[in-house]
Amino acid sequence: MIAALLLGGGTAHAQDAASRALPVHVGGRVIVDPDGGLTFGWPGIYFEARFSGTAVRVRFEAPTEHMRLLIDGQERAAFRRPGLVDLTLDGLAPGDHVVRLEKQTESQTGGGRFIAFEAVGDTVALTFMPRPRQIEFIGDSYTVGYGNTSGRRECSAAEVHAFTDTQQAFGPRVARHFDADYRTHAYSGFGIVRNYAGTSPDLSLPTLYGRMKPDDAERMVEGPGDWRPQVIVINLGTNDFSTPVGAGERWADEAGLRAEYRQRYIGFVRDLAREQPQARFILMGSDAFFGDVQAVAAAVNADQPDRAVPLAFGGLELGGCDWHPSIDDDARIAELIQATIETMGVWSNELTAP
């Protein structure tokens, strides 16, 4: 049974005076609020907890997001721009369970706030062990899963939002294949040095990358903490090169753009490598810029052999919104990445800690 309150504003009231907060495992960057809530914005974030019992309470706020609630891997509720949610699932089979709340949509502004998972009645908390494998995905709309569930290319802005499901994009698919925790740091329309059609010239994905939340320039990441991915997958370049250099942009021609792209990309990967010395990199590229990606990988490997692997992809149907990858494309890309990771031997020996 599901008992839910979708509240338009204010603070979720105490539905059960005996409720107790469960320890939460978070997949992604969050800002810890003064009241203990967790503000989030990057795509693909998720929250998990384990408990033993027949009921659990879920509280969160997502004014514009699509969210999904799962128990033991099975979807139990879907939320479409729900606002403030206070929900109790009861009548569960006695025993141990995992509750998981996933963010599906992209929020370039706004985002949401996770409040708590709480034990209800005689439910008790269990320890949730983080997965020893960790993988990070950095990219643009392809990595976001922009409009990937649409089944058609013509979409309004509202439909793009509704049809985007990052959890079905290639990144989370790869992570689930390897039973790895994952983070997705991606932003539609952005590139290494140039965004789609030259927009927002003072911003780029490497600029946003250091933020705890993509629309908050004041809250920056302070060290990696316990995030130590063994693999970092980057797919950036489509927006840099998909439209011709226009009048007023800082590059005289495409050659100048490509030179700066390579230089900045090399610097970005080297910065990441210093921050995450255990990580190996997969650098993805389509035909339009794969030669540049190969040059970046070669420069990185000149410092540290076998640190970066270039991965070409193509032949996609691009049946999602605005000629973006479809769900079937996401599955094909995921298989390419999975095969590359297996060839790299990253997890050939089982790890006990990241």
Protein backbone atom coordinates (compact mmCIF):
# COMPACT_ATOMS: atom_id res chain seq x y z
CA MET A 1 0.00 0.00 0.00
CA ILE A 2 1.15 3.56 -0.70
CA ALA A 3 0.06 6.49 1.42
CA ALA A 4 1.22 9.74 -0.14
CA LEU A 5 0.97 13.44 0.47
CA LEU A 6 2.00 15.73 -2.38
CA LEU A 7 2.34 19.09 -0.72
CA GLY A 8 2.46 22.40 -2.57
CA GLY A 9 4.68 24.17 -0.08
CA GLY A 10 5.83 24.41 3.50
CA THR A 11 7.50 21.63 5.46
CA ALA A 12 6.45 17.99 5.33
CA HIS A 13 4.66 17.30 8.62
CA ALA A 14 5.29 14.34 10.90
CA GLN A 15 3.21 11.58 9.36
CA ASP A 16 4.36 9.14 12.02
CA ALA A 17 5.80 10.39 15.29
CA ALA A 18 7.85 7.20 15.53
CA SER A 19 9.59 7.71 12.16
CA ARG A 20 13.37 7.40 12.24
CA ALA A 21 15.83 8.47 9.55
CA LEU A 22 17.66 5.67 7.73
CA PRO A 23 21.35 6.07 6.79
CA VAL A 24 21.44 7.08 3.12
CA HIS A 25 23.86 6.07 0.38
CA VAL A 26 24.09 8.85 -2.22
CA GLY A 27 25.14 8.36 -5.85
CA GLY A 28 26.18 11.85 -6.92
CA ARG A 29 27.09 15.28 -5.63
CA VAL A 30 24.82 16.88 -3.05
CA ILE A 31 24.87 20.05 -0.96
CA VAL A 32 24.13 19.33 2.70
CA ASP A 33 21.56 21.83 3.93
CA PRO A 34 21.47 23.18 7.52
CA ASP A 35 18.48 20.92 8.34
CA GLY A 36 20.24 17.84 6.99
CA GLY A 37 18.43 17.80 3.64
CA LEU A 38 20.46 17.14 0.48
CA THR A 39 20.14 19.56 -2.44
CA PHE A 40 20.96 18.11 -5.85
CA GLY A 41 21.13 19.18 -9.49
CA TRP A 42 23.43 16.99 -11.61
CA PRO A 43 21.66 14.31 -13.70
CA GLY A 44 21.47 10.64 -12.78
CA ILE A 45 21.66 11.09 -9.01
CA TYR A 46 20.20 8.41 -6.74
CA PHE A 47 19.59 7.77 -3.03
CA GLU A 48 19.53 4.31 -1.42
CA ALA A 49 18.95 2.73 1.99
CA ARG A 50 18.46 -0.74 3.46
CA PHE A 51 15.93 -1.69 6.10
CA SER A 52 14.17 -4.66 7.62
CA GLY A 53 10.44 -4.36 8.01
CA THR A 54 7.19 -3.81 6.16
CA ALA A 55 7.08 -0.02 5.71
CA VAL A 56 9.30 2.92 4.78
CA ARG A 57 8.64 6.65 4.53
CA VAL A 58 10.13 8.76 1.72
CA ARG A 59 10.36 12.56 1.76
CA PHE A 60 11.79 14.76 -0.99
CA GLU A 61 11.12 17.89 -3.02
CA ALA A 62 11.33 18.05 -6.82
CA PRO A 63 9.39 20.96 -8.30
CA THR A 64 10.21 20.22 -11.96
CA GLU A 65 11.94 16.83 -11.97
CA HIS A 66 10.80 13.37 -12.87
CA MET A 67 11.75 10.91 -10.13
CA ARG A 68 11.29 7.18 -9.66
CA LEU A 69 11.02 5.15 -6.43
CA LEU A 70 12.08 1.51 -6.36
CA ILE A 71 11.89 -1.21 -3.73
CA ASP A 72 14.25 -4.14 -4.28
CA GLY A 73 14.83 -3.01 -7.87
CA GLN A 74 11.14 -2.81 -8.79
CA GLU A 75 9.49 0.53 -9.54
CA ARG A 76 6.80 1.28 -6.96
CA ALA A 77 6.01 4.92 -7.73
CA ALA A 78 6.77 7.51 -10.43
CA PHE A 79 6.69 11.26 -9.85
CA ARG A 80 6.25 13.89 -12.55
CA ARG A 81 7.08 17.37 -11.22
CA PRO A 82 5.55 16.46 -7.88
CA GLY A 83 6.69 19.35 -5.67
CA LEU A 84 7.02 18.32 -2.02
CA VAL A 85 6.42 14.61 -1.44
CA ASP A 86 5.74 12.77 1.82
CA LEU A 87 5.02 9.14 1.03
CA THR A 88 4.79 5.92 3.02
CA LEU A 89 4.97 2.50 1.43
CA ASP A 90 3.59 -0.16 3.76
CA GLY A 91 2.36 -3.68 3.40
CA LEU A 92 5.78 -4.83 2.17
CA ALA A 93 6.75 -8.46 2.67
CA PRO A 94 8.46 -8.95 6.06
CA GLY A 95 12.24 -9.03 5.73
CA ASP A 96 15.13 -7.01 4.33
CA HIS A 97 14.59 -4.44 1.57
CA VAL A 98 16.43 -1.76 -0.42
CA VAL A 99 14.68 1.53 -1.17
CA ARG A 100 16.02 3.70 -3.99
CA LEU A 101 14.99 7.12 -5.30
CA GLU A 102 16.31 8.08 -8.76
CA LYS A 103 16.39 11.35 -10.66
CA GLN A 104 15.54 10.84 -14.34
CA THR A 105 15.45 14.33 -15.86
CA GLU A 106 18.06 17.01 -16.50
CA SER A 107 17.85 20.16 -14.40
CA GLN A 108 20.06 22.88 -15.82
CA THR A 109 18.55 25.11 -13.13
CA GLY A 110 16.64 24.31 -9.98
CA GLY A 111 17.08 20.65 -9.19
CA GLY A 112 15.58 19.19 -6.05
CA ARG A 113 16.09 18.27 -2.42
CA PHE A 114 16.16 14.87 -0.75
CA ILE A 115 14.84 15.04 2.81
CA ALA A 116 14.89 11.49 4.22
CA PHE A 117 14.13 7.83 4.09
CA GLU A 118 12.57 6.91 7.43
CA ALA A 119 11.72 3.72 9.27
CA VAL A 120 8.04 3.41 10.17
CA GLY A 121 6.65 1.40 13.07
CA ASP A 122 8.89 -1.56 13.89
CA THR A 123 11.02 -1.20 10.73
CA VAL A 124 14.74 -1.07 11.55
CA ALA A 125 17.72 0.32 9.63
CA LEU A 126 20.31 -1.93 8.03
CA THR A 127 23.79 -1.02 6.83
CA PHE A 128 24.08 -0.18 3.12
CA MET A 129 27.54 -1.02 1.84
CA PRO A 130 28.75 1.21 -1.00
CA ARG A 131 29.75 -0.72 -4.09
CA PRO A 132 33.53 -1.21 -4.35
CA ARG A 133 33.46 -0.33 -8.04
CA GLN A 134 32.97 3.30 -9.03
CA ILE A 135 32.65 4.85 -12.48
CA GLU A 136 32.12 8.45 -13.58
CA PHE A 137 30.59 9.81 -16.79
CA ILE A 138 31.36 13.33 -18.02
CA GLY A 139 29.68 14.70 -21.11
CA ASP A 140 26.93 16.57 -22.88
CA SER A 141 23.37 15.77 -23.94
CA TYR A 142 24.37 12.31 -25.18
CA THR A 143 25.53 11.43 -21.66
CA VAL A 144 22.44 13.05 -20.13
CA GLY A 145 20.14 10.86 -22.23
CA TYR A 146 18.48 13.89 -23.82
CA GLY A 147 15.04 12.87 -25.13
CA ASN A 148 16.15 9.24 -25.33
CA THR A 149 12.74 7.68 -24.62
CA SER A 150 10.75 9.78 -27.10
CA GLY A 151 10.53 7.40 -30.04
CA ARG A 152 10.54 10.43 -32.36
CA ARG A 153 12.86 13.29 -33.30
CA GLU A 154 10.41 16.21 -33.25
CA CYS A 155 9.93 17.34 -29.65
CA SER A 156 8.95 20.51 -27.84
CA ALA A 157 11.09 21.72 -24.94
CA ALA A 158 8.55 20.25 -22.52
CA GLU A 159 8.68 16.93 -24.35
CA VAL A 160 12.49 16.85 -24.27
CA HIS A 161 12.27 17.19 -20.49
CA ALA A 162 9.57 14.54 -20.22
CA PHE A 163 11.32 12.06 -22.53
CA THR A 164 14.77 12.35 -20.93
CA ASP A 165 15.72 9.45 -18.66
CA THR A 166 19.35 9.58 -17.59
CA GLN A 167 18.92 6.28 -15.76
CA GLN A 168 18.41 4.60 -19.16
CA ALA A 169 21.32 6.43 -20.82
CA PHE A 170 24.55 4.58 -21.57
CA GLY A 171 26.33 5.59 -18.36
CA PRO A 172 24.01 4.02 -15.79
CA ARG A 173 23.62 1.01 -18.09
CA VAL A 174 27.37 0.42 -17.95
CA ALA A 175 27.43 0.93 -14.19
CA ARG A 176 24.63 -1.58 -13.64
CA HIS A 177 26.44 -4.09 -15.86
CA PHE A 178 29.49 -3.91 -13.58
CA ASP A 179 27.49 -3.37 -10.35
CA ALA A 180 29.27 -0.06 -9.83
CA ASP A 181 28.29 3.17 -8.13
CA TYR A 182 28.22 6.01 -10.64
CA ARG A 183 28.12 9.75 -11.04
CA THR A 184 27.01 11.66 -14.12
CA HIS A 185 28.43 15.14 -14.67
CA ALA A 186 26.87 16.18 -17.96
CA TYR A 187 25.14 19.26 -19.35
CA SER A 188 23.26 19.46 -22.63
CA GLY A 189 24.68 21.81 -25.24
CA PHE A 190 28.11 22.24 -23.66
CA GLY A 191 31.56 21.29 -24.89
CA ILE A 192 35.23 21.46 -23.99
CA VAL A 193 35.78 25.05 -25.20
CA ARG A 194 32.71 25.81 -27.31
CA ASN A 195 29.03 25.23 -26.68
CA TYR A 196 26.37 24.53 -29.27
CA ALA A 197 26.29 27.33 -31.88
CA GLY A 198 28.72 29.37 -29.81
CA THR A 199 26.28 30.05 -26.95
CA SER A 200 27.41 30.98 -23.40
CA PRO A 201 30.97 31.70 -24.56
CA ASP A 202 32.26 32.23 -21.01
CA LEU A 203 31.14 28.77 -19.88
CA SER A 204 32.06 25.20 -20.81
CA LEU A 205 31.68 21.75 -19.31
CA PRO A 206 35.14 21.90 -17.67
CA THR A 207 34.03 25.19 -16.07
CA LEU A 208 30.83 23.65 -14.68
CA TYR A 209 32.55 20.44 -13.64
CA GLY A 210 33.92 21.86 -10.39
CA ARG A 211 30.48 22.87 -9.12
CA MET A 212 28.47 20.92 -6.60
CA LYS A 213 25.38 21.90 -8.60
CA PRO A 214 25.64 23.02 -12.24
CA ASP A 215 23.70 26.28 -11.76
CA ASP A 216 25.47 27.30 -8.53
CA ALA A 217 28.81 29.02 -9.17
CA GLU A 218 29.34 29.66 -5.45
CA ARG A 219 29.34 26.07 -4.19
CA MET A 220 32.46 24.32 -5.46
CA VAL A 221 33.72 20.79 -4.94
CA GLU A 222 36.33 20.58 -2.18
CA GLY A 223 38.38 17.46 -2.90
CA PRO A 224 37.22 14.02 -4.01
CA GLY A 225 36.22 12.75 -0.56
CA ASP A 226 35.32 9.06 -0.82
CA TRP A 227 34.68 9.30 -4.57
CA ARG A 228 37.50 7.32 -6.19
CA PRO A 229 36.34 6.03 -9.59
CA GLN A 230 38.46 3.41 -11.25
CA VAL A 231 37.12 4.53 -14.66
CA ILE A 232 36.19 8.00 -15.96
CA VAL A 233 34.35 8.08 -19.31
CA ILE A 234 34.32 11.41 -21.16
CA ASN A 235 32.27 12.23 -24.26
CA LEU A 236 32.79 15.88 -25.21
CA GLY A 237 33.23 17.42 -28.64
CA THR A 238 29.89 17.15 -30.39
CA ASN A 239 28.90 20.68 -29.36
CA ASP A 240 32.35 22.09 -30.05
CA PHE A 241 32.19 21.05 -33.72
CA SER A 242 28.55 20.47 -34.70
CA THR A 243 28.03 24.03 -35.97
CA PRO A 244 30.41 26.26 -37.99
CA VAL A 245 32.45 28.90 -36.19
CA GLY A 246 30.44 32.12 -36.44
CA ALA A 247 31.30 35.79 -36.72
CA GLY A 248 32.31 37.28 -33.40
CA GLU A 249 33.59 34.03 -31.93
CA ARG A 250 37.17 33.98 -30.70
CA TRP A 251 38.47 31.49 -33.29
CA ALA A 252 39.39 32.68 -36.74
CA ASP A 253 38.53 29.30 -38.22
CA GLU A 254 37.92 25.65 -37.42
CA ALA A 255 41.65 24.93 -37.25
CA GLY A 256 41.99 27.41 -34.41
CA LEU A 257 39.02 25.88 -32.62
CA ARG A 258 40.45 22.38 -32.93
CA ALA A 259 43.83 23.49 -31.59
CA GLU A 260 42.26 25.05 -28.51
CA TYR A 261 39.95 22.06 -28.05
CA ARG A 262 42.93 19.71 -27.93
CA GLN A 263 44.91 21.91 -25.58
CA ARG A 264 42.04 22.44 -23.12
CA TYR A 265 40.96 18.79 -23.24
CA ILE A 266 44.49 17.60 -22.47
CA GLY A 267 44.62 19.98 -19.53
CA PHE A 268 41.20 18.86 -18.28
CA VAL A 269 42.17 15.17 -18.30
CA ARG A 270 45.51 15.89 -16.65
CA ASP A 271 43.71 17.81 -13.89
CA LEU A 272 41.33 14.91 -13.38
CA ALA A 273 44.24 12.46 -13.34
CA ARG A 274 45.96 14.43 -10.58
CA GLU A 275 42.73 14.49 -8.57
CA GLN A 276 41.99 10.81 -9.23
CA PRO A 277 45.38 9.08 -9.63
CA GLN A 278 43.79 5.62 -9.57
CA ALA A 279 41.48 6.34 -12.53
CA ARG A 280 41.85 5.30 -16.13
CA PHE A 281 40.08 7.22 -18.86
CA ILE A 282 37.92 6.33 -21.83
CA LEU A 283 37.71 9.28 -24.24
CA MET A 284 34.80 8.92 -26.65
CA GLY A 285 34.47 10.57 -30.04
CA SER A 286 32.41 10.40 -33.21
CA ASP A 287 33.84 10.70 -36.73
CA ALA A 288 33.59 14.50 -36.62
CA PHE A 289 36.25 14.83 -33.93
CA PHE A 290 37.69 11.39 -33.21
CA GLY A 291 41.08 12.36 -34.62
CA ASP A 292 41.26 15.14 -32.03
CA VAL A 293 40.29 12.70 -29.27
CA GLN A 294 43.06 10.34 -30.37
CA ALA A 295 45.54 13.22 -30.16
CA VAL A 296 44.34 14.04 -26.63
CA ALA A 297 44.69 10.42 -25.52
CA ALA A 298 48.18 10.24 -27.02
CA ALA A 299 49.27 13.36 -25.13
CA VAL A 300 47.89 12.01 -21.85
CA ASN A 301 49.58 8.66 -22.41
CA ALA A 302 52.88 10.36 -23.13
CA ASP A 303 52.85 11.38 -19.46
CA GLN A 304 51.48 8.10 -18.12
CA PRO A 305 51.34 5.14 -20.53
CA ASP A 306 47.97 3.41 -20.96
CA ARG A 307 46.15 6.00 -18.86
CA ALA A 308 43.65 6.94 -21.60
CA VAL A 309 41.89 4.90 -24.28
CA PRO A 310 40.17 6.61 -27.25
CA LEU A 311 36.83 5.03 -28.18
CA ALA A 312 35.11 5.71 -31.51
CA PHE A 313 31.36 5.42 -31.82
CA GLY A 314 29.01 5.90 -34.74
CA GLY A 315 26.31 4.29 -36.83
CA LEU A 316 23.58 5.41 -34.44
CA GLU A 317 19.95 5.75 -35.49
CA LEU A 318 19.60 9.02 -33.49
CA GLY A 319 15.87 8.48 -33.03
CA GLY A 320 15.60 10.52 -29.83
CA CYS A 321 14.50 14.14 -29.57
CA ASP A 322 16.35 16.52 -31.92
CA TRP A 323 18.40 13.72 -33.48
CA HIS A 324 19.83 12.44 -30.22
CA PRO A 325 20.58 8.83 -29.27
CA SER A 326 17.58 6.60 -28.71
CA ILE A 327 17.25 3.94 -26.03
CA ASP A 328 18.57 1.40 -28.56
CA ASP A 329 21.54 3.70 -29.28
CA ASP A 330 22.23 3.98 -25.55
CA ALA A 331 22.32 0.18 -25.35
CA ARG A 332 24.79 -0.02 -28.26
CA ILE A 333 27.06 2.65 -26.79
CA ALA A 334 26.95 0.93 -23.40
CA GLU A 335 28.10 -2.32 -25.00
CA LEU A 336 31.05 -0.51 -26.61
CA ILE A 337 32.11 0.97 -23.29
CA GLN A 338 31.65 -2.33 -21.46
CA ALA A 339 33.83 -4.14 -23.98
CA THR A 340 36.50 -1.43 -23.69
CA ILE A 341 36.56 -1.65 -19.90
CA GLU A 342 36.90 -5.42 -20.11
CA THR A 343 39.76 -5.08 -22.60
CA MET A 344 41.47 -2.58 -20.30
CA GLY A 345 41.33 -5.13 -17.48
CA VAL A 346 40.28 -2.50 -14.93
CA TRP A 347 38.32 -4.98 -12.89
CA SER A 348 40.09 -8.17 -13.89
CA ASN A 349 40.97 -8.68 -10.22
CA GLU A 350 38.11 -8.23 -7.78
CA LEU A 351 38.49 -5.17 -5.58
CA THR A 352 37.74 -4.97 -1.90
CA ALA A 353 37.74 -1.18 -1.77
CA PRO A 354 37.70 1.64 -4.33
